[in-house]
N, C-alpha and C. Protein backbone atom coordinates (compact mmCIF):
# COMPACT_ATOMS: atom_id res chain seq x y z
N MET A 1 21.92 -110.51 37.55
CA MET A 1 21.42 -109.42 38.38
C MET A 1 21.92 -109.61 39.82
N GLU A 2 22.32 -108.53 40.43
CA GLU A 2 22.80 -108.53 41.82
C GLU A 2 21.62 -108.80 42.76
N LEU A 3 21.79 -109.75 43.63
CA LEU A 3 20.75 -110.11 44.59
C LEU A 3 21.01 -109.39 45.90
N HIS A 4 19.99 -108.78 46.45
CA HIS A 4 20.13 -108.07 47.72
C HIS A 4 20.11 -109.05 48.89
N GLU A 5 20.51 -108.54 50.05
CA GLU A 5 20.57 -109.37 51.26
C GLU A 5 19.24 -110.05 51.54
N SER A 6 18.13 -109.33 51.40
CA SER A 6 16.83 -109.94 51.69
C SER A 6 16.54 -111.09 50.73
N GLY A 7 16.92 -110.94 49.47
CA GLY A 7 16.74 -112.02 48.50
C GLY A 7 17.56 -113.24 48.87
N GLU A 8 18.80 -113.00 49.32
CA GLU A 8 19.65 -114.10 49.76
C GLU A 8 19.05 -114.80 50.97
N MET A 9 18.47 -114.03 51.87
CA MET A 9 17.84 -114.61 53.07
C MET A 9 16.65 -115.50 52.67
N TYR A 10 15.86 -115.02 51.72
CA TYR A 10 14.73 -115.83 51.26
C TYR A 10 15.22 -117.13 50.61
N LEU A 11 16.24 -117.03 49.76
CA LEU A 11 16.75 -118.23 49.09
C LEU A 11 17.30 -119.22 50.11
N GLU A 12 18.03 -118.72 51.10
CA GLU A 12 18.57 -119.61 52.14
C GLU A 12 17.42 -120.28 52.90
N THR A 13 16.40 -119.52 53.24
CA THR A 13 15.25 -120.07 53.96
C THR A 13 14.54 -121.13 53.12
N ILE A 14 14.36 -120.85 51.84
CA ILE A 14 13.71 -121.82 50.94
C ILE A 14 14.55 -123.09 50.88
N TYR A 15 15.85 -122.93 50.79
CA TYR A 15 16.76 -124.09 50.75
C TYR A 15 16.62 -124.94 52.01
N VAL A 16 16.69 -124.29 53.16
CA VAL A 16 16.61 -125.01 54.44
C VAL A 16 15.25 -125.70 54.59
N LEU A 17 14.18 -124.97 54.34
CA LEU A 17 12.85 -125.54 54.52
C LEU A 17 12.54 -126.64 53.51
N SER A 18 13.00 -126.48 52.28
CA SER A 18 12.69 -127.47 51.24
C SER A 18 13.41 -128.79 51.47
N ARG A 19 14.48 -128.76 52.28
CA ARG A 19 15.15 -130.02 52.62
C ARG A 19 14.27 -130.86 53.53
N GLU A 20 13.41 -130.21 54.30
CA GLU A 20 12.50 -130.91 55.21
C GLU A 20 11.12 -131.10 54.60
N LYS A 21 10.75 -130.18 53.71
CA LYS A 21 9.40 -130.17 53.16
C LYS A 21 9.46 -129.87 51.67
N PRO A 22 9.43 -130.89 50.82
CA PRO A 22 9.57 -130.65 49.39
C PRO A 22 8.44 -129.83 48.77
N ASP A 23 7.24 -129.91 49.33
CA ASP A 23 6.11 -129.15 48.82
C ASP A 23 5.94 -127.85 49.60
N LEU A 24 6.90 -126.99 49.43
CA LEU A 24 6.99 -125.74 50.18
C LEU A 24 6.04 -124.69 49.62
N HIS A 25 5.36 -123.98 50.52
CA HIS A 25 4.45 -122.89 50.12
C HIS A 25 4.92 -121.58 50.76
N ALA A 26 4.40 -120.49 50.25
CA ALA A 26 4.74 -119.16 50.77
C ALA A 26 4.42 -119.05 52.26
N ILE A 27 3.34 -119.68 52.71
CA ILE A 27 2.96 -119.60 54.12
C ILE A 27 4.03 -120.23 55.01
N ASP A 28 4.70 -121.27 54.52
CA ASP A 28 5.77 -121.91 55.29
C ASP A 28 6.94 -120.94 55.48
N ILE A 29 7.26 -120.22 54.43
CA ILE A 29 8.33 -119.23 54.48
C ILE A 29 7.94 -118.10 55.42
N SER A 30 6.70 -117.64 55.30
CA SER A 30 6.18 -116.57 56.15
C SER A 30 6.27 -116.93 57.62
N GLU A 31 5.84 -118.14 57.96
CA GLU A 31 5.87 -118.59 59.36
C GLU A 31 7.30 -118.73 59.86
N HIS A 32 8.19 -119.26 59.04
CA HIS A 32 9.58 -119.47 59.45
C HIS A 32 10.31 -118.15 59.67
N MET A 33 10.10 -117.21 58.77
CA MET A 33 10.84 -115.94 58.83
C MET A 33 10.14 -114.89 59.71
N GLY A 34 8.87 -115.13 60.02
CA GLY A 34 8.13 -114.15 60.80
C GLY A 34 7.74 -112.92 60.00
N PHE A 35 7.61 -113.08 58.69
CA PHE A 35 7.23 -111.98 57.80
C PHE A 35 5.77 -112.14 57.41
N SER A 36 5.14 -111.05 57.03
CA SER A 36 3.75 -111.11 56.61
C SER A 36 3.62 -111.85 55.28
N LYS A 37 2.43 -112.42 55.07
CA LYS A 37 2.18 -113.13 53.81
C LYS A 37 2.35 -112.21 52.60
N PRO A 38 1.87 -110.96 52.64
CA PRO A 38 2.07 -110.08 51.49
C PRO A 38 3.56 -109.80 51.20
N SER A 39 4.36 -109.66 52.25
CA SER A 39 5.80 -109.43 52.05
C SER A 39 6.45 -110.64 51.38
N VAL A 40 6.09 -111.83 51.84
CA VAL A 40 6.64 -113.05 51.27
C VAL A 40 6.16 -113.21 49.82
N SER A 41 4.89 -112.93 49.57
CA SER A 41 4.36 -113.04 48.21
C SER A 41 5.10 -112.11 47.25
N ARG A 42 5.39 -110.91 47.71
CA ARG A 42 6.13 -109.95 46.89
C ARG A 42 7.53 -110.48 46.59
N ALA A 43 8.21 -110.98 47.63
CA ALA A 43 9.56 -111.52 47.46
C ALA A 43 9.56 -112.73 46.53
N VAL A 44 8.57 -113.60 46.69
CA VAL A 44 8.46 -114.79 45.84
C VAL A 44 8.29 -114.35 44.38
N GLY A 45 7.48 -113.35 44.15
CA GLY A 45 7.28 -112.84 42.79
C GLY A 45 8.57 -112.33 42.18
N ILE A 46 9.34 -111.58 42.96
CA ILE A 46 10.61 -111.04 42.48
C ILE A 46 11.60 -112.17 42.20
N LEU A 47 11.72 -113.11 43.14
CA LEU A 47 12.65 -114.23 42.95
C LEU A 47 12.27 -115.10 41.75
N LYS A 48 10.97 -115.25 41.52
CA LYS A 48 10.50 -116.01 40.37
C LYS A 48 10.84 -115.27 39.07
N LYS A 49 10.55 -113.98 39.06
CA LYS A 49 10.83 -113.15 37.88
C LYS A 49 12.31 -113.17 37.53
N GLU A 50 13.17 -113.18 38.55
CA GLU A 50 14.62 -113.16 38.33
C GLU A 50 15.20 -114.55 38.07
N GLY A 51 14.35 -115.58 38.10
CA GLY A 51 14.79 -116.92 37.73
C GLY A 51 15.45 -117.72 38.84
N TYR A 52 15.24 -117.33 40.10
CA TYR A 52 15.84 -118.05 41.22
C TYR A 52 14.95 -119.14 41.77
N ILE A 53 13.64 -119.02 41.54
CA ILE A 53 12.69 -120.04 42.00
C ILE A 53 11.64 -120.28 40.92
N THR A 54 10.94 -121.39 41.08
CA THR A 54 9.76 -121.65 40.26
C THR A 54 8.59 -121.86 41.22
N VAL A 55 7.40 -121.59 40.72
CA VAL A 55 6.17 -121.83 41.48
C VAL A 55 5.24 -122.60 40.54
N ASP A 56 4.88 -123.82 40.93
CA ASP A 56 4.04 -124.64 40.04
C ASP A 56 2.55 -124.35 40.25
N GLU A 57 1.72 -125.10 39.53
CA GLU A 57 0.26 -124.87 39.58
C GLU A 57 -0.34 -125.11 40.96
N HIS A 58 0.37 -125.86 41.82
CA HIS A 58 -0.10 -126.10 43.20
C HIS A 58 0.54 -125.11 44.17
N LEU A 59 1.22 -124.11 43.64
CA LEU A 59 1.91 -123.06 44.41
C LEU A 59 3.08 -123.59 45.24
N HIS A 60 3.64 -124.72 44.79
CA HIS A 60 4.85 -125.25 45.43
C HIS A 60 6.04 -124.43 44.94
N ILE A 61 6.88 -124.03 45.87
CA ILE A 61 8.03 -123.20 45.56
C ILE A 61 9.28 -124.09 45.53
N ARG A 62 10.03 -123.97 44.44
CA ARG A 62 11.28 -124.73 44.30
C ARG A 62 12.38 -123.83 43.79
N LEU A 63 13.59 -124.09 44.25
CA LEU A 63 14.75 -123.34 43.78
C LEU A 63 15.15 -123.81 42.38
N THR A 64 15.53 -122.88 41.53
CA THR A 64 16.14 -123.24 40.25
C THR A 64 17.60 -123.57 40.54
N ASP A 65 18.33 -124.01 39.54
CA ASP A 65 19.76 -124.28 39.75
C ASP A 65 20.49 -123.01 40.20
N ALA A 66 20.13 -121.87 39.59
CA ALA A 66 20.77 -120.59 39.98
C ALA A 66 20.42 -120.23 41.42
N GLY A 67 19.16 -120.43 41.81
CA GLY A 67 18.74 -120.14 43.18
C GLY A 67 19.39 -121.06 44.18
N LYS A 68 19.51 -122.33 43.82
CA LYS A 68 20.12 -123.32 44.72
C LYS A 68 21.60 -123.01 44.92
N LYS A 69 22.27 -122.57 43.87
CA LYS A 69 23.70 -122.25 43.97
C LYS A 69 23.92 -121.12 44.99
N ILE A 70 23.12 -120.09 44.90
CA ILE A 70 23.24 -118.96 45.85
C ILE A 70 22.84 -119.40 47.25
N ALA A 71 21.74 -120.13 47.37
CA ALA A 71 21.25 -120.57 48.67
C ALA A 71 22.28 -121.43 49.40
N LYS A 72 22.89 -122.35 48.68
CA LYS A 72 23.91 -123.22 49.30
C LYS A 72 25.11 -122.41 49.76
N LYS A 73 25.50 -121.42 48.95
CA LYS A 73 26.63 -120.56 49.30
C LYS A 73 26.35 -119.79 50.59
N ILE A 74 25.17 -119.21 50.69
CA ILE A 74 24.79 -118.44 51.88
C ILE A 74 24.66 -119.36 53.09
N TYR A 75 24.05 -120.52 52.90
CA TYR A 75 23.87 -121.49 53.98
C TYR A 75 25.23 -121.95 54.53
N GLU A 76 26.16 -122.23 53.63
CA GLU A 76 27.49 -122.65 54.06
C GLU A 76 28.17 -121.52 54.83
N ARG A 77 28.09 -120.31 54.32
CA ARG A 77 28.69 -119.17 55.01
C ARG A 77 28.11 -119.02 56.41
N HIS A 78 26.81 -119.12 56.51
CA HIS A 78 26.13 -118.98 57.80
C HIS A 78 26.69 -119.99 58.81
N ASN A 79 26.76 -121.25 58.38
CA ASN A 79 27.20 -122.31 59.29
C ASN A 79 28.67 -122.18 59.67
N VAL A 80 29.53 -121.89 58.70
CA VAL A 80 30.97 -121.77 59.00
C VAL A 80 31.23 -120.58 59.92
N ILE A 81 30.60 -119.45 59.62
CA ILE A 81 30.82 -118.25 60.44
C ILE A 81 30.28 -118.47 61.86
N ALA A 82 29.10 -119.07 61.97
CA ALA A 82 28.53 -119.35 63.30
C ALA A 82 29.43 -120.30 64.08
N GLU A 83 29.94 -121.32 63.39
CA GLU A 83 30.83 -122.28 64.03
C GLU A 83 32.11 -121.60 64.53
N LEU A 84 32.66 -120.72 63.71
CA LEU A 84 33.86 -119.97 64.10
C LEU A 84 33.57 -119.11 65.34
N LEU A 85 32.47 -118.39 65.32
CA LEU A 85 32.13 -117.53 66.46
C LEU A 85 31.93 -118.35 67.73
N CYS A 86 31.27 -119.49 67.61
CA CYS A 86 31.08 -120.37 68.77
C CYS A 86 32.43 -120.87 69.28
N SER A 87 33.34 -121.17 68.36
CA SER A 87 34.64 -121.72 68.76
C SER A 87 35.50 -120.73 69.53
N ILE A 88 35.20 -119.44 69.38
CA ILE A 88 35.96 -118.43 70.13
C ILE A 88 35.21 -117.94 71.36
N GLY A 89 34.10 -118.63 71.69
CA GLY A 89 33.41 -118.35 72.93
C GLY A 89 32.12 -117.57 72.84
N VAL A 90 31.67 -117.23 71.63
CA VAL A 90 30.39 -116.53 71.49
C VAL A 90 29.27 -117.55 71.72
N ASP A 91 28.26 -117.15 72.48
CA ASP A 91 27.15 -118.08 72.72
C ASP A 91 26.43 -118.39 71.40
N SER A 92 25.82 -119.55 71.33
CA SER A 92 25.22 -120.06 70.10
C SER A 92 24.19 -119.11 69.50
N LYS A 93 23.30 -118.58 70.31
CA LYS A 93 22.24 -117.69 69.81
C LYS A 93 22.85 -116.46 69.16
N THR A 94 23.79 -115.82 69.83
CA THR A 94 24.43 -114.62 69.30
C THR A 94 25.23 -114.97 68.04
N ALA A 95 25.94 -116.09 68.08
CA ALA A 95 26.76 -116.50 66.94
C ALA A 95 25.91 -116.68 65.69
N TYR A 96 24.76 -117.33 65.83
CA TYR A 96 23.90 -117.56 64.66
C TYR A 96 23.25 -116.27 64.17
N GLU A 97 22.90 -115.37 65.10
CA GLU A 97 22.34 -114.08 64.69
C GLU A 97 23.39 -113.23 63.97
N ASP A 98 24.60 -113.19 64.52
CA ASP A 98 25.68 -112.42 63.88
C ASP A 98 26.07 -113.03 62.54
N ALA A 99 26.13 -114.34 62.48
CA ALA A 99 26.48 -115.01 61.22
C ALA A 99 25.48 -114.67 60.13
N CYS A 100 24.23 -114.51 60.52
CA CYS A 100 23.17 -114.17 59.56
C CYS A 100 23.44 -112.82 58.91
N ARG A 101 24.04 -111.91 59.65
CA ARG A 101 24.36 -110.60 59.08
C ARG A 101 25.68 -110.64 58.31
N ILE A 102 26.67 -111.29 58.88
CA ILE A 102 28.01 -111.32 58.28
C ILE A 102 28.01 -112.07 56.94
N GLU A 103 27.22 -113.12 56.84
CA GLU A 103 27.23 -113.98 55.64
C GLU A 103 26.95 -113.21 54.36
N HIS A 104 26.26 -112.08 54.46
CA HIS A 104 25.87 -111.32 53.27
C HIS A 104 26.91 -110.30 52.83
N VAL A 105 27.85 -109.97 53.73
CA VAL A 105 28.80 -108.91 53.40
C VAL A 105 30.25 -109.37 53.29
N ILE A 106 30.54 -110.55 53.78
CA ILE A 106 31.92 -111.04 53.74
C ILE A 106 32.31 -111.35 52.29
N SER A 107 33.53 -111.00 51.92
CA SER A 107 34.00 -111.26 50.56
C SER A 107 34.27 -112.75 50.36
N ASP A 108 34.27 -113.17 49.12
CA ASP A 108 34.59 -114.57 48.81
C ASP A 108 35.99 -114.91 49.29
N LYS A 109 36.92 -113.98 49.13
CA LYS A 109 38.31 -114.21 49.52
C LYS A 109 38.42 -114.42 51.04
N SER A 110 37.80 -113.52 51.81
CA SER A 110 37.85 -113.66 53.27
C SER A 110 37.15 -114.92 53.74
N PHE A 111 36.03 -115.24 53.12
CA PHE A 111 35.32 -116.45 53.52
C PHE A 111 36.15 -117.70 53.22
N ALA A 112 36.81 -117.71 52.07
CA ALA A 112 37.65 -118.87 51.73
C ALA A 112 38.75 -119.06 52.78
N GLU A 113 39.32 -117.97 53.26
CA GLU A 113 40.36 -118.07 54.29
C GLU A 113 39.78 -118.52 55.63
N LEU A 114 38.61 -118.03 55.97
CA LEU A 114 37.93 -118.48 57.20
C LEU A 114 37.66 -119.98 57.14
N LYS A 115 37.17 -120.41 56.02
CA LYS A 115 36.83 -121.81 55.82
C LYS A 115 38.10 -122.67 55.93
N LYS A 116 39.18 -122.21 55.30
CA LYS A 116 40.45 -122.92 55.36
C LYS A 116 40.95 -122.99 56.81
N HIS A 117 40.82 -121.89 57.54
CA HIS A 117 41.23 -121.85 58.95
C HIS A 117 40.43 -122.85 59.78
N MET A 118 39.13 -122.87 59.59
CA MET A 118 38.28 -123.79 60.35
C MET A 118 38.60 -125.24 60.02
N LYS A 119 38.89 -125.51 58.76
CA LYS A 119 39.23 -126.88 58.36
C LYS A 119 40.53 -127.32 59.00
N SER A 120 41.55 -126.46 58.98
CA SER A 120 42.84 -126.83 59.58
C SER A 120 42.72 -126.96 61.09
N LYS A 121 41.86 -126.13 61.69
CA LYS A 121 41.64 -126.20 63.14
C LYS A 121 41.04 -127.57 63.51
N LYS A 122 40.08 -128.04 62.70
CA LYS A 122 39.47 -129.34 62.96
C LYS A 122 40.46 -130.47 62.78
N GLU A 123 41.29 -130.37 61.75
CA GLU A 123 42.27 -131.42 61.46
C GLU A 123 43.35 -131.49 62.55
N ASN A 124 43.64 -130.38 63.20
CA ASN A 124 44.69 -130.34 64.23
C ASN A 124 44.17 -130.58 65.64
N SER A 125 42.88 -130.80 65.77
CA SER A 125 42.37 -131.02 67.14
C SER A 125 42.02 -132.46 67.39
C-alpha cells in the first residue's frame, strides 16, 4: 500500500524517538510533532493496521521491519538533503524545514544522485 507523506513523517518520528526511548508511547509522538493526541492515535491505528508498527499490551509503539525500512529511508533523505542545503549556504533551520518537505517527493533516482554528489564532495574536501 502506498504510504502518504503524513504516514512517512510519523514513521520517521517513531524511528528517531525510539532510538532514544525504546518504550515509546503515542504521547511522546504527540509532544514531539506538536499534534493532538487524537490525531496521533488515529495515525497510530492506521500504521498498525497497515503493518508498519506494532503496539503491545503496555501501549509501547515499535516499528515493524517494513516500517523501519521506510523510516530509515526517509530519515536518510532528510539528513542528506539538509546537509546539501546547508553546504550551499542555506541556514540550518530553513535547510531542515525544507528537507522535511523535499524528502517525501524526491525520486529515488534523483536522491541517489544527490547522495553520490555529497559523498564525492566529502571525499574531495
